[in-house]
Amino acid sequence: MSDSQKTVEAVVHPAAPVRPEAYDAATRAALEHIDGQAVRTVADGRPERTRNGYAQDWTSWSKFCTANGVPVLAVTPGTLVMFVEWLWTQPGWKKGTFTAPSTIDRRISGTVVSARAEHGLKLEDGIARLARNRLKQLVKEMEANGETRGRGQAPPLLVDHLVVISAACPDNLRGIRDRALVLMHFAVAGREHELAANRVRDYADTPGGIQADMRVSKIRPRVVPVPYGSRPSICPVRAWQAWKDAAGLDDPDGYAWRRLHNRWHTVMQGGLQPESIGDIVTRAGERAGIEIRFTGHSPRRGLATSSRLKGHDQIVIAKQGGWAPHSKVLAGYLEVVDQWEDNAPLGVL
C-alpha cells in the first residue's frame, strides 16, 4: 500500500481513541494533577468570607478527630454522624449554651466541601445524608424537651421601624452614614458582606433612582434597582446621595461605606467590615428606642416581609434579595405574612 493510500485509509478509518481504563500511570497522574489544580482554582475564587467559614468548619472537624481518635481524612457517613453527636455537646456562642443546629449543619457542609476541594477526597454523593438525619432526630428531641439553641431568627426591620430610626439619626456624619446604610441595606435586601464590599461606583445614578451592583456575594451576585422613595425621610436614594456628598466620596473605586475616626469622626479610607455593618443596624435601633434587638440580617428579612405585605410575588422579592426563586428560607419569611391572608378558618368562623 502506497503512502497516499495509507493516508486515505487513516482518514476513512481513524484509530479508536484510547479508553480511560487503558490510560497508563503517567497519563492518570497528569489528569489527577489537572483535576486537583481545577478544584483549587475554583476554591480560591470563592469569597474570602466563604473560605474562612470552610476553614473554621475543617478546624472543628480536626478537633473532633483528635478528641475521638478518628483519622482526619476518614470522612465517611459513620464518622459524620459521630461528628454531629460530638458537636451537639459542644458549647455555643454564649456561655451556658450549646451549638445551634444551623451551625452543626454548616459544619457538615464545610467539612465535606473541604475534604473534596482541599484534600482531594473522592466522596460519594449524599455522604452527609445520614448525619443530617441524625441532626433532625436530635432537633426533634430538643424541641420535645422544650430546649432552645442559637440566637433564633433575626427579627424583621419594617418600614415603621425605618421611620423611627431615620428620625433618630443625628445630623452629623455618623448619623448621615447610619441612615443611608440602614435604608440601602433594607432596599437591596442585602447581606452584610455584600454591602461591605460595595464601592462608590456600585451605586449608579439613573433617572428612576439607583442601580446597586451587589457584585460580591457568596450566593447570588445581582444588580438591584433602588427607586426613589415616596417619603423623603426614608428614601434610600436621597439618603445615599446625602452621605456621598457629606463624606466627599469622589473616588469611584473607594469604599461606599466608610469607617469614621473614633476621636475626630472624620471619614477614613477603609471600608466597614461585615460585622460592623450589623453593629450599626443594632445601634440604630437602640438609638431610636426600639425594644427589638435588630441584627445585620434584620433589614434583609424586613424587606421580604414588607414587600409581601404589599402583595409582591415571591419571585420578585427573591430577585431583589438574591434568594433562589423557590428558596425555603424566603418562603419561611413570607409564610409569617401569608398565614393571616391565606388562613383555613378565615371567613369560616
Protein backbone atom coordinates (compact mmCIF):
# COMPACT_ATOMS: atom_id res chain seq x y z
CA MET A 1 0.00 0.00 0.00
CA SER A 2 1.38 3.37 -1.01
CA ASP A 3 1.83 6.27 1.40
CA SER A 4 -1.13 8.10 -0.15
CA GLN A 5 -3.32 5.03 0.25
CA LYS A 6 -2.27 4.75 3.91
CA THR A 7 -3.21 8.39 4.45
CA VAL A 8 -6.64 7.86 2.90
CA GLU A 9 -7.13 4.72 4.98
CA ALA A 10 -6.24 6.60 8.19
CA VAL A 11 -8.76 9.33 7.39
CA VAL A 12 -11.52 6.90 6.50
CA HIS A 13 -10.78 4.55 9.39
CA PRO A 14 -9.15 6.62 12.16
CA ALA A 15 -7.61 4.82 15.13
CA ALA A 16 -10.04 4.27 18.00
CA PRO A 17 -9.44 6.70 20.93
CA VAL A 18 -7.77 5.24 23.99
CA ARG A 19 -10.34 4.32 26.65
CA PRO A 20 -9.86 5.88 30.13
CA GLU A 21 -9.38 2.46 31.69
CA ALA A 22 -6.42 1.91 29.36
CA TYR A 23 -4.54 5.09 30.34
CA ASP A 24 -1.03 4.46 31.56
CA ALA A 25 0.15 5.57 35.01
CA ALA A 26 1.76 8.78 33.71
CA THR A 27 -1.46 9.88 31.96
CA ARG A 28 -3.58 9.13 35.02
CA ALA A 29 -1.19 11.09 37.22
CA ALA A 30 -1.25 14.07 34.85
CA LEU A 31 -5.06 14.07 34.73
CA GLU A 32 -5.29 13.86 38.53
CA HIS A 33 -2.94 16.86 38.75
CA ILE A 34 -5.13 18.83 36.30
CA ASP A 35 -8.26 17.93 38.30
CA GLY A 36 -6.59 18.98 41.54
CA GLN A 37 -5.49 22.29 40.06
CA ALA A 38 -9.02 22.95 38.78
CA VAL A 39 -10.54 22.26 42.20
CA ARG A 40 -8.04 24.57 43.91
CA THR A 41 -8.60 27.34 41.33
CA VAL A 42 -12.37 27.28 41.92
CA ALA A 43 -11.86 27.09 45.70
CA ASP A 44 -9.51 30.07 45.66
CA GLY A 45 -12.08 32.05 43.70
CA ARG A 46 -14.67 31.81 46.46
CA PRO A 47 -15.31 34.95 48.55
CA GLU A 48 -12.95 35.36 51.49
CA ARG A 49 -15.85 35.05 53.93
CA THR A 50 -16.77 31.65 52.45
CA ARG A 51 -13.17 30.43 52.51
CA ASN A 52 -12.81 31.48 56.14
CA GLY A 53 -16.04 29.71 57.03
CA TYR A 54 -14.90 26.47 55.43
CA ALA A 55 -11.56 26.77 57.20
CA GLN A 56 -13.36 27.09 60.56
CA ASP A 57 -15.51 24.07 59.73
CA TRP A 58 -12.44 21.96 58.93
CA THR A 59 -10.75 23.13 62.13
CA SER A 60 -13.79 21.93 64.06
CA TRP A 61 -13.65 18.59 62.24
CA SER A 62 -9.93 18.25 63.06
CA LYS A 63 -10.64 18.87 66.77
CA PHE A 64 -13.33 16.20 66.68
CA CYS A 65 -10.93 13.73 65.04
CA THR A 66 -8.24 14.40 67.64
CA ALA A 67 -10.69 14.05 70.52
CA ASN A 68 -12.12 10.77 69.22
CA GLY A 69 -9.12 9.09 67.62
CA VAL A 70 -10.52 9.36 64.10
CA PRO A 71 -8.09 9.79 61.16
CA VAL A 72 -8.61 13.31 59.86
CA LEU A 73 -9.24 12.13 56.29
CA ALA A 74 -11.71 9.45 57.33
CA VAL A 75 -14.76 11.39 56.14
CA THR A 76 -17.46 8.71 55.97
CA PRO A 77 -21.20 8.54 56.68
CA GLY A 78 -20.48 6.99 60.09
CA THR A 79 -17.81 9.47 61.19
CA LEU A 80 -20.02 12.38 60.09
CA VAL A 81 -22.79 11.04 62.35
CA MET A 82 -20.25 10.88 65.19
CA PHE A 83 -19.25 14.45 64.32
CA VAL A 84 -22.86 15.62 64.67
CA GLU A 85 -23.24 13.95 68.07
CA TRP A 86 -19.94 15.44 69.24
CA LEU A 87 -20.90 18.93 68.05
CA TRP A 88 -24.25 18.60 69.83
CA THR A 89 -22.41 18.56 73.16
CA GLN A 90 -20.07 21.46 72.41
CA PRO A 91 -20.51 24.95 73.95
CA GLY A 92 -22.39 27.54 71.92
CA TRP A 93 -21.67 31.21 71.16
CA LYS A 94 -22.82 32.29 74.62
CA LYS A 95 -21.79 30.92 77.99
CA GLY A 96 -24.13 28.21 79.18
CA THR A 97 -25.45 27.42 75.69
CA PHE A 98 -24.74 24.63 73.22
CA THR A 99 -24.02 24.59 69.50
CA ALA A 100 -27.03 25.57 67.39
CA PRO A 101 -28.43 23.10 64.82
CA SER A 102 -27.83 25.59 61.99
CA THR A 103 -24.15 25.78 62.96
CA ILE A 104 -23.88 22.00 63.02
CA ASP A 105 -25.48 21.75 59.58
CA ARG A 106 -22.97 24.28 58.25
CA ARG A 107 -20.07 22.38 59.84
CA ILE A 108 -21.16 19.24 57.98
CA SER A 109 -21.24 21.09 54.65
CA GLY A 110 -17.91 22.79 55.25
CA THR A 111 -16.22 19.55 56.20
CA VAL A 112 -17.43 17.71 53.10
CA VAL A 113 -16.52 20.61 50.78
CA SER A 114 -13.05 20.95 52.34
CA ALA A 115 -12.44 17.21 52.14
CA ARG A 116 -13.14 17.29 48.42
CA ALA A 117 -11.61 20.64 47.49
CA GLU A 118 -8.65 20.93 49.82
CA HIS A 119 -7.72 17.29 50.40
CA GLY A 120 -8.73 15.63 47.13
CA LEU A 121 -11.04 13.03 48.66
CA LYS A 122 -13.48 11.44 46.22
CA LEU A 123 -16.57 11.26 48.40
CA GLU A 124 -19.82 9.69 47.30
CA ASP A 125 -22.84 11.87 46.61
CA GLY A 126 -25.13 12.12 49.62
CA ILE A 127 -22.36 11.21 52.04
CA ALA A 128 -23.81 13.60 54.65
CA ARG A 129 -27.41 12.36 54.38
CA LEU A 130 -27.15 10.06 57.40
CA ALA A 131 -25.53 12.80 59.51
CA ARG A 132 -28.31 15.25 58.65
CA ASN A 133 -30.95 12.67 59.50
CA ARG A 134 -29.28 12.24 62.88
CA LEU A 135 -29.28 16.03 63.34
CA LYS A 136 -33.04 16.11 62.63
CA GLN A 137 -33.57 13.45 65.32
CA LEU A 138 -31.61 15.49 67.85
CA VAL A 139 -33.57 18.64 66.97
CA LYS A 140 -36.88 16.81 67.50
CA GLU A 141 -35.69 15.58 70.89
CA MET A 142 -34.60 19.12 71.76
CA GLU A 143 -37.98 20.57 70.82
CA ALA A 144 -39.86 17.86 72.70
CA ASN A 145 -37.87 18.77 75.81
CA GLY A 146 -38.60 22.49 75.40
CA GLU A 147 -34.94 23.32 74.80
CA THR A 148 -33.80 26.14 72.52
CA ARG A 149 -30.43 26.69 70.92
CA GLY A 150 -28.83 29.51 68.97
CA ARG A 151 -29.94 33.09 68.59
CA GLY A 152 -33.07 32.30 66.64
CA GLN A 153 -34.19 34.10 63.50
CA ALA A 154 -33.38 37.77 63.11
CA PRO A 155 -36.43 39.98 63.75
CA PRO A 156 -37.59 41.84 60.63
CA LEU A 157 -36.84 45.55 60.47
CA LEU A 158 -40.03 47.01 58.97
CA VAL A 159 -40.97 50.33 57.38
CA ASP A 160 -42.40 51.75 60.61
CA HIS A 161 -39.06 50.98 62.26
CA LEU A 162 -37.21 52.75 59.43
CA VAL A 163 -39.23 55.91 60.05
CA VAL A 164 -38.26 55.99 63.73
CA ILE A 165 -34.63 55.03 63.08
CA SER A 166 -34.22 57.70 60.40
CA ALA A 167 -35.67 60.40 62.65
CA ALA A 168 -33.34 59.41 65.50
CA CYS A 169 -30.14 59.64 63.42
CA PRO A 170 -28.22 62.81 64.38
CA ASP A 171 -27.43 65.47 61.78
CA ASN A 172 -23.71 64.69 61.60
CA LEU A 173 -21.50 62.37 59.55
CA ARG A 174 -22.26 59.35 61.72
CA GLY A 175 -25.99 59.93 61.59
CA ILE A 176 -25.99 60.61 57.84
CA ARG A 177 -23.98 57.44 57.21
CA ASP A 178 -26.08 55.27 59.51
CA ARG A 179 -29.35 56.47 57.99
CA ALA A 180 -28.12 55.84 54.44
CA LEU A 181 -26.67 52.46 55.31
CA VAL A 182 -29.78 51.11 57.04
CA LEU A 183 -32.09 52.37 54.29
CA MET A 184 -29.92 50.97 51.48
CA HIS A 185 -29.46 47.70 53.40
CA PHE A 186 -33.24 47.40 53.51
CA ALA A 187 -33.85 48.46 49.89
CA VAL A 188 -31.46 45.91 48.37
CA ALA A 189 -32.31 43.20 50.92
CA GLY A 190 -28.57 42.91 51.32
CA ARG A 191 -26.28 40.66 53.21
CA GLU A 192 -23.70 42.32 55.43
CA HIS A 193 -20.74 41.17 53.37
CA GLU A 194 -22.37 42.40 50.16
CA LEU A 195 -22.64 45.97 51.41
CA ALA A 196 -19.18 45.83 52.98
CA ALA A 197 -17.70 45.08 49.54
CA ASN A 198 -19.54 47.86 47.72
CA ARG A 199 -17.56 50.66 46.10
CA VAL A 200 -18.87 54.09 45.17
CA ARG A 201 -19.19 53.05 41.51
CA ASP A 202 -21.52 50.23 42.54
CA TYR A 203 -24.29 52.79 43.15
CA ALA A 204 -25.01 54.23 39.70
CA ASP A 205 -27.42 57.14 39.35
CA THR A 206 -30.32 56.66 36.93
CA PRO A 207 -33.43 58.77 36.22
CA GLY A 208 -35.53 56.38 38.28
CA GLY A 209 -33.16 56.05 41.22
CA ILE A 210 -30.02 53.93 41.71
CA GLN A 211 -28.75 50.74 40.15
CA ALA A 212 -26.98 48.99 43.03
CA ASP A 213 -24.44 46.41 41.89
CA MET A 214 -24.18 43.74 44.58
CA ARG A 215 -21.31 42.14 42.69
CA VAL A 216 -19.60 40.47 45.64
CA SER A 217 -21.91 37.82 47.00
CA LYS A 218 -21.20 34.32 48.23
CA ILE A 219 -24.61 33.23 46.95
CA ARG A 220 -26.05 35.30 44.07
CA PRO A 221 -24.46 38.49 42.68
CA ARG A 222 -27.07 40.83 41.21
CA VAL A 223 -27.82 44.35 40.05
CA VAL A 224 -30.67 45.78 42.11
CA PRO A 225 -32.87 48.72 41.07
CA VAL A 226 -33.49 51.05 44.02
CA PRO A 227 -36.25 53.57 43.21
CA TYR A 228 -36.83 56.91 44.90
CA GLY A 229 -38.99 56.51 47.98
CA SER A 230 -42.36 58.24 48.30
CA ARG A 231 -41.29 59.59 51.71
CA PRO A 232 -38.07 61.66 51.59
CA SER A 233 -37.24 60.83 55.21
CA ILE A 234 -36.78 57.12 54.41
CA CYS A 235 -35.78 57.36 50.74
CA PRO A 236 -32.62 55.25 50.23
CA VAL A 237 -31.65 57.17 47.08
CA ARG A 238 -31.73 60.58 48.75
CA ALA A 239 -30.02 59.19 51.85
CA TRP A 240 -27.19 57.70 49.75
CA GLN A 241 -26.70 60.99 47.88
CA ALA A 242 -26.59 62.89 51.18
CA TRP A 243 -23.94 60.51 52.57
CA LYS A 244 -21.91 60.61 49.36
CA ASP A 245 -21.85 64.43 49.38
CA ALA A 246 -21.19 64.80 53.11
CA ALA A 247 -18.37 62.24 53.08
CA GLY A 248 -16.82 63.54 49.86
CA LEU A 249 -16.92 60.16 48.16
CA ASP A 250 -15.47 61.27 44.82
CA ASP A 251 -13.29 58.21 44.13
CA PRO A 252 -15.37 55.65 42.19
CA ASP A 253 -13.13 52.84 43.42
CA GLY A 254 -13.29 53.89 47.07
CA TYR A 255 -15.43 52.05 49.59
CA ALA A 256 -19.05 53.17 49.66
CA TRP A 257 -19.48 52.57 53.39
CA ARG A 258 -16.58 54.04 55.35
CA ARG A 259 -15.28 53.91 58.87
CA LEU A 260 -15.22 57.11 60.89
CA HIS A 261 -12.31 58.13 63.10
CA ASN A 262 -13.09 57.26 66.73
CA ARG A 263 -11.91 60.61 68.06
CA TRP A 264 -12.22 63.13 65.23
CA HIS A 265 -15.21 61.48 63.49
CA THR A 266 -13.66 62.15 60.10
CA VAL A 267 -14.17 59.84 57.14
CA MET A 268 -11.42 57.23 56.77
CA GLN A 269 -10.29 55.43 53.64
CA GLY A 270 -11.02 51.97 54.98
CA GLY A 271 -14.37 50.32 54.49
CA LEU A 272 -16.60 48.77 57.12
CA GLN A 273 -16.30 45.10 57.98
CA PRO A 274 -19.45 42.96 57.60
CA GLU A 275 -19.73 42.63 61.39
CA SER A 276 -19.53 46.43 61.74
CA ILE A 277 -22.49 46.83 59.40
CA GLY A 278 -24.53 44.56 61.64
CA ASP A 279 -23.42 46.57 64.67
CA ILE A 280 -24.58 49.81 63.02
CA VAL A 281 -28.03 48.30 62.40
CA THR A 282 -28.24 47.17 66.03
CA ARG A 283 -27.16 50.57 67.39
CA ALA A 284 -29.56 52.40 65.07
CA GLY A 285 -32.45 50.51 66.61
CA GLU A 286 -31.21 51.14 70.13
CA ARG A 287 -30.69 54.86 69.38
CA ALA A 288 -34.30 55.06 68.22
CA GLY A 289 -35.53 53.48 71.45
CA ILE A 290 -36.92 50.40 69.72
CA GLU A 291 -37.07 47.49 72.15
CA ILE A 292 -36.48 44.89 69.43
CA ARG A 293 -32.80 43.99 69.05
CA PHE A 294 -32.13 44.14 65.32
CA THR A 295 -29.18 42.36 63.71
CA GLY A 296 -27.41 42.70 60.40
CA HIS A 297 -29.92 40.29 58.86
CA SER A 298 -32.99 42.26 60.02
CA PRO A 299 -33.16 44.73 57.07
CA ARG A 300 -32.95 41.81 54.62
CA ARG A 301 -35.77 39.95 56.28
CA GLY A 302 -37.65 43.21 56.75
CA LEU A 303 -37.70 43.97 53.01
CA ALA A 304 -39.05 40.49 52.29
CA THR A 305 -41.77 40.86 54.92
CA SER A 306 -42.73 44.42 53.97
CA SER A 307 -42.78 43.62 50.27
CA ARG A 308 -45.06 40.65 50.85
CA LEU A 309 -47.41 42.81 52.90
CA LYS A 310 -47.76 44.96 49.77
CA GLY A 311 -48.69 41.89 47.76
CA HIS A 312 -45.48 41.31 45.81
CA ASP A 313 -44.79 37.83 44.45
CA GLN A 314 -42.08 35.62 45.90
CA ILE A 315 -40.18 35.62 42.59
CA VAL A 316 -40.00 39.42 42.60
CA ILE A 317 -38.80 39.50 46.21
CA ALA A 318 -36.27 36.74 45.55
CA LYS A 319 -34.79 38.66 42.63
CA GLN A 320 -34.30 41.78 44.74
CA GLY A 321 -32.52 39.98 47.56
CA GLY A 322 -30.64 37.35 45.60
CA TRP A 323 -32.55 34.41 47.01
CA ALA A 324 -33.14 31.34 44.86
CA PRO A 325 -36.59 31.71 43.23
CA HIS A 326 -38.07 28.99 45.42
CA SER A 327 -35.87 29.47 48.48
CA LYS A 328 -37.17 27.65 51.55
CA VAL A 329 -35.69 30.34 53.79
CA LEU A 330 -37.53 33.09 51.91
CA ALA A 331 -40.72 31.04 51.86
CA GLY A 332 -40.47 30.76 55.64
CA TYR A 333 -40.28 34.55 55.96
CA LEU A 334 -43.27 35.03 53.69
CA GLU A 335 -45.30 32.36 55.44
CA VAL A 336 -45.38 34.56 58.54
CA VAL A 337 -47.28 37.12 56.45
CA ASP A 338 -49.35 34.68 54.39
CA GLN A 339 -50.70 32.79 57.39
CA TRP A 340 -53.12 35.66 58.08
CA GLU A 341 -54.14 36.22 54.46
CA ASP A 342 -54.44 32.58 53.43
CA ASN A 343 -55.88 31.03 56.55
CA ALA A 344 -58.18 27.99 56.68
CA PRO A 345 -60.64 29.40 59.27
CA LEU A 346 -60.73 32.79 57.52
CA GLY A 347 -64.32 33.51 56.50
CA VAL A 348 -65.43 30.26 58.12
CA LEU A 349 -65.62 31.30 61.77
